[in-house]
Amino acid sequence: MKWLQTFVNAKLHQITAEELRRYAAPFELALSTRESEMLARLIKQEKIDFFNEKERTVLFKKVEGIIGTSRARKLDNIVQTFLHENKL
């Protein structure tokens, strides 16, 4: 499934603020325009491997500074659930 990991990472590194808000909405994770713009910029700058737990943890510490601890944890739980359910 390495090809799928590569695809997901590539998509996330190109994500827009609008896409972040749209993807977060079904999970009841409200993001302001400013927050989503900052998150999209951070994700593009960091270029992490979202399947690497250590890299993801470092990124989510920075995400906490943008959207706060509770919403960052919720976002991390969503990502972990996705990875686990899809056996990635």
N, C-alpha and C. Protein backbone atom coordinates (compact mmCIF):
# COMPACT_ATOMS: atom_id res chain seq x y z
N MET A 1 0.82 -1.20 0.00
CA MET A 1 0.00 0.00 0.00
C MET A 1 0.86 1.27 0.00
N LYS A 2 2.14 1.12 -0.29
CA LYS A 2 3.03 2.27 -0.31
C LYS A 2 2.55 3.33 -1.31
N TRP A 3 1.99 2.90 -2.43
CA TRP A 3 1.50 3.85 -3.44
C TRP A 3 0.38 4.70 -2.86
N LEU A 4 -0.47 4.11 -2.02
CA LEU A 4 -1.58 4.85 -1.42
C LEU A 4 -1.04 5.87 -0.42
N GLN A 5 -0.04 5.48 0.34
CA GLN A 5 0.59 6.41 1.29
C GLN A 5 1.20 7.59 0.55
N THR A 6 1.86 7.32 -0.55
CA THR A 6 2.46 8.37 -1.36
C THR A 6 1.39 9.31 -1.90
N PHE A 7 0.28 8.74 -2.36
CA PHE A 7 -0.83 9.53 -2.89
C PHE A 7 -1.43 10.42 -1.79
N VAL A 8 -1.69 9.85 -0.62
CA VAL A 8 -2.30 10.61 0.48
C VAL A 8 -1.38 11.74 0.92
N ASN A 9 -0.08 11.45 1.08
CA ASN A 9 0.87 12.49 1.47
C ASN A 9 0.92 13.60 0.43
N ALA A 10 0.94 13.24 -0.85
CA ALA A 10 0.99 14.24 -1.92
C ALA A 10 -0.25 15.12 -1.88
N LYS A 11 -1.41 14.52 -1.68
CA LYS A 11 -2.66 15.29 -1.61
C LYS A 11 -2.65 16.24 -0.42
N LEU A 12 -2.21 15.74 0.73
CA LEU A 12 -2.19 16.59 1.92
C LEU A 12 -1.20 17.75 1.78
N HIS A 13 -0.10 17.52 1.11
CA HIS A 13 0.89 18.59 0.93
C HIS A 13 0.42 19.66 -0.05
N GLN A 14 -0.66 19.38 -0.78
CA GLN A 14 -1.21 20.35 -1.73
C GLN A 14 -2.57 20.89 -1.27
N ILE A 15 -3.00 20.54 -0.09
CA ILE A 15 -4.35 20.89 0.37
C ILE A 15 -4.53 22.40 0.50
N THR A 16 -5.72 22.85 0.18
CA THR A 16 -6.04 24.27 0.30
C THR A 16 -6.82 24.52 1.59
N ALA A 17 -6.91 25.78 1.95
CA ALA A 17 -7.67 26.15 3.15
C ALA A 17 -9.13 25.75 2.99
N GLU A 18 -9.68 25.97 1.81
CA GLU A 18 -11.09 25.61 1.56
C GLU A 18 -11.30 24.10 1.69
N GLU A 19 -10.39 23.32 1.15
CA GLU A 19 -10.51 21.87 1.27
C GLU A 19 -10.43 21.44 2.73
N LEU A 20 -9.56 22.05 3.50
CA LEU A 20 -9.46 21.71 4.93
C LEU A 20 -10.79 21.96 5.64
N ARG A 21 -11.39 23.10 5.39
CA ARG A 21 -12.69 23.40 6.02
C ARG A 21 -13.76 22.40 5.57
N ARG A 22 -13.77 22.07 4.29
CA ARG A 22 -14.77 21.14 3.76
C ARG A 22 -14.59 19.73 4.35
N TYR A 23 -13.35 19.27 4.45
CA TYR A 23 -13.09 17.94 4.99
C TYR A 23 -13.33 17.87 6.51
N ALA A 24 -13.12 18.98 7.20
CA ALA A 24 -13.29 19.01 8.66
C ALA A 24 -14.76 19.07 9.08
N ALA A 25 -15.60 19.67 8.25
CA ALA A 25 -17.00 19.90 8.60
C ALA A 25 -17.77 18.63 8.99
N PRO A 26 -17.68 17.53 8.23
CA PRO A 26 -18.44 16.33 8.62
C PRO A 26 -18.03 15.76 9.98
N PHE A 27 -16.85 16.13 10.45
CA PHE A 27 -16.37 15.64 11.74
C PHE A 27 -16.64 16.65 12.86
N GLU A 28 -17.44 17.67 12.52
CA GLU A 28 -17.80 18.72 13.47
C GLU A 28 -16.56 19.39 14.04
N LEU A 29 -15.60 19.63 13.16
CA LEU A 29 -14.37 20.32 13.53
C LEU A 29 -14.39 21.67 12.80
N ALA A 30 -14.88 22.68 13.48
CA ALA A 30 -15.02 24.00 12.87
C ALA A 30 -13.66 24.69 12.78
N LEU A 31 -13.36 25.19 11.59
CA LEU A 31 -12.13 25.95 11.37
C LEU A 31 -12.50 27.29 10.74
N SER A 32 -11.93 28.35 11.28
CA SER A 32 -12.15 29.66 10.66
C SER A 32 -11.32 29.73 9.38
N THR A 33 -11.62 30.72 8.58
CA THR A 33 -10.85 30.92 7.35
C THR A 33 -9.38 31.12 7.69
N ARG A 34 -9.11 31.94 8.67
CA ARG A 34 -7.71 32.22 9.07
C ARG A 34 -7.02 30.95 9.56
N GLU A 35 -7.69 30.18 10.41
CA GLU A 35 -7.10 28.94 10.91
C GLU A 35 -6.80 27.96 9.79
N SER A 36 -7.74 27.80 8.88
CA SER A 36 -7.53 26.85 7.79
C SER A 36 -6.41 27.32 6.86
N GLU A 37 -6.29 28.63 6.66
CA GLU A 37 -5.19 29.15 5.85
C GLU A 37 -3.84 28.88 6.53
N MET A 38 -3.79 29.09 7.83
CA MET A 38 -2.55 28.85 8.57
C MET A 38 -2.19 27.36 8.57
N LEU A 39 -3.20 26.50 8.74
CA LEU A 39 -2.95 25.05 8.73
C LEU A 39 -2.47 24.58 7.36
N ALA A 40 -3.12 25.06 6.31
CA ALA A 40 -2.72 24.67 4.96
C ALA A 40 -1.28 25.09 4.69
N ARG A 41 -0.92 26.29 5.10
CA ARG A 41 0.44 26.78 4.93
C ARG A 41 1.43 25.92 5.72
N LEU A 42 1.08 25.59 6.95
CA LEU A 42 1.95 24.76 7.78
C LEU A 42 2.17 23.38 7.16
N ILE A 43 1.10 22.77 6.71
CA ILE A 43 1.20 21.43 6.10
C ILE A 43 2.07 21.46 4.86
N LYS A 44 1.92 22.51 4.06
CA LYS A 44 2.73 22.62 2.84
C LYS A 44 4.21 22.85 3.18
N GLN A 45 4.47 23.62 4.21
CA GLN A 45 5.86 23.92 4.60
C GLN A 45 6.56 22.72 5.22
N GLU A 46 5.85 21.99 6.05
CA GLU A 46 6.47 20.90 6.81
C GLU A 46 6.82 19.69 5.95
N LYS A 47 5.99 19.38 4.97
CA LYS A 47 6.23 18.22 4.08
C LYS A 47 6.54 16.94 4.87
N ILE A 48 5.74 16.65 5.87
CA ILE A 48 5.97 15.45 6.67
C ILE A 48 5.34 14.22 6.03
N ASP A 49 5.75 13.09 6.52
CA ASP A 49 5.11 11.82 6.15
C ASP A 49 4.02 11.59 7.18
N PHE A 50 2.76 11.74 6.77
CA PHE A 50 1.64 11.61 7.71
C PHE A 50 1.50 10.19 8.27
N PHE A 51 2.22 9.25 7.71
CA PHE A 51 2.17 7.87 8.19
C PHE A 51 3.28 7.59 9.19
N ASN A 52 4.12 8.58 9.45
CA ASN A 52 5.19 8.47 10.43
C ASN A 52 4.70 9.14 11.71
N GLU A 53 4.50 8.34 12.74
CA GLU A 53 3.91 8.85 13.98
C GLU A 53 4.73 9.96 14.61
N LYS A 54 6.05 9.83 14.60
CA LYS A 54 6.91 10.86 15.20
C LYS A 54 6.78 12.19 14.46
N GLU A 55 6.82 12.14 13.14
CA GLU A 55 6.69 13.36 12.36
C GLU A 55 5.32 14.00 12.56
N ARG A 56 4.30 13.16 12.61
CA ARG A 56 2.93 13.65 12.80
C ARG A 56 2.79 14.30 14.18
N THR A 57 3.40 13.72 15.20
CA THR A 57 3.34 14.28 16.55
C THR A 57 3.95 15.66 16.60
N VAL A 58 5.09 15.83 15.95
CA VAL A 58 5.74 17.14 15.90
C VAL A 58 4.84 18.15 15.19
N LEU A 59 4.24 17.74 14.09
CA LEU A 59 3.34 18.63 13.35
C LEU A 59 2.14 19.01 14.22
N PHE A 60 1.55 18.05 14.91
CA PHE A 60 0.35 18.34 15.69
C PHE A 60 0.64 19.23 16.89
N LYS A 61 1.87 19.27 17.36
CA LYS A 61 2.25 20.23 18.40
C LYS A 61 2.15 21.65 17.83
N LYS A 62 2.54 21.80 16.58
CA LYS A 62 2.43 23.10 15.92
C LYS A 62 0.97 23.42 15.61
N VAL A 63 0.20 22.42 15.25
CA VAL A 63 -1.23 22.61 14.98
C VAL A 63 -1.93 23.11 16.24
N GLU A 64 -1.53 22.60 17.40
CA GLU A 64 -2.10 23.05 18.67
C GLU A 64 -1.98 24.56 18.83
N GLY A 65 -0.85 25.10 18.39
CA GLY A 65 -0.64 26.54 18.50
C GLY A 65 -1.59 27.34 17.62
N ILE A 66 -2.15 26.70 16.61
CA ILE A 66 -3.05 27.40 15.69
C ILE A 66 -4.51 27.21 16.09
N ILE A 67 -4.90 25.98 16.42
CA ILE A 67 -6.33 25.72 16.68
C ILE A 67 -6.63 25.29 18.11
N GLY A 68 -5.62 25.22 18.95
CA GLY A 68 -5.85 24.84 20.34
C GLY A 68 -5.74 23.34 20.56
N THR A 69 -5.52 22.97 21.80
CA THR A 69 -5.27 21.59 22.16
C THR A 69 -6.43 20.66 21.87
N SER A 70 -7.64 21.04 22.25
CA SER A 70 -8.77 20.11 22.10
C SER A 70 -9.08 19.83 20.63
N ARG A 71 -9.07 20.86 19.79
CA ARG A 71 -9.35 20.62 18.38
C ARG A 71 -8.18 19.91 17.69
N ALA A 72 -6.96 20.19 18.12
CA ALA A 72 -5.80 19.49 17.55
C ALA A 72 -5.86 18.00 17.90
N ARG A 73 -6.26 17.69 19.12
CA ARG A 73 -6.40 16.27 19.52
C ARG A 73 -7.51 15.59 18.70
N LYS A 74 -8.61 16.32 18.51
CA LYS A 74 -9.71 15.76 17.72
C LYS A 74 -9.24 15.48 16.29
N LEU A 75 -8.50 16.41 15.72
CA LEU A 75 -7.97 16.23 14.37
C LEU A 75 -7.00 15.05 14.32
N ASP A 76 -6.16 14.93 15.32
CA ASP A 76 -5.22 13.80 15.38
C ASP A 76 -5.98 12.49 15.50
N ASN A 77 -7.04 12.45 16.29
CA ASN A 77 -7.85 11.24 16.42
C ASN A 77 -8.50 10.86 15.10
N ILE A 78 -8.95 11.86 14.35
CA ILE A 78 -9.55 11.60 13.04
C ILE A 78 -8.51 10.97 12.12
N VAL A 79 -7.31 11.53 12.10
CA VAL A 79 -6.22 11.00 11.25
C VAL A 79 -5.86 9.58 11.67
N GLN A 80 -5.70 9.35 12.97
CA GLN A 80 -5.34 8.02 13.46
C GLN A 80 -6.43 7.00 13.13
N THR A 81 -7.68 7.39 13.27
CA THR A 81 -8.79 6.49 12.94
C THR A 81 -8.75 6.13 11.46
N PHE A 82 -8.53 7.13 10.61
CA PHE A 82 -8.43 6.89 9.17
C PHE A 82 -7.31 5.90 8.86
N LEU A 83 -6.16 6.12 9.46
CA LEU A 83 -5.01 5.25 9.19
C LEU A 83 -5.28 3.82 9.68
N HIS A 84 -5.87 3.71 10.86
CA HIS A 84 -6.15 2.40 11.44
C HIS A 84 -7.22 1.65 10.65
N GLU A 85 -8.31 2.33 10.33
CA GLU A 85 -9.41 1.68 9.61
C GLU A 85 -9.01 1.24 8.21
N ASN A 86 -8.08 1.96 7.63
CA ASN A 86 -7.63 1.62 6.27
C ASN A 86 -6.33 0.81 6.27
N LYS A 87 -5.90 0.41 7.47
CA LYS A 87 -4.70 -0.41 7.63
C LYS A 87 -3.50 0.17 6.90
N LEU A 88 -3.31 1.49 7.09
CA LEU A 88 -2.21 2.18 6.41
C LEU A 88 -1.05 2.41 7.33
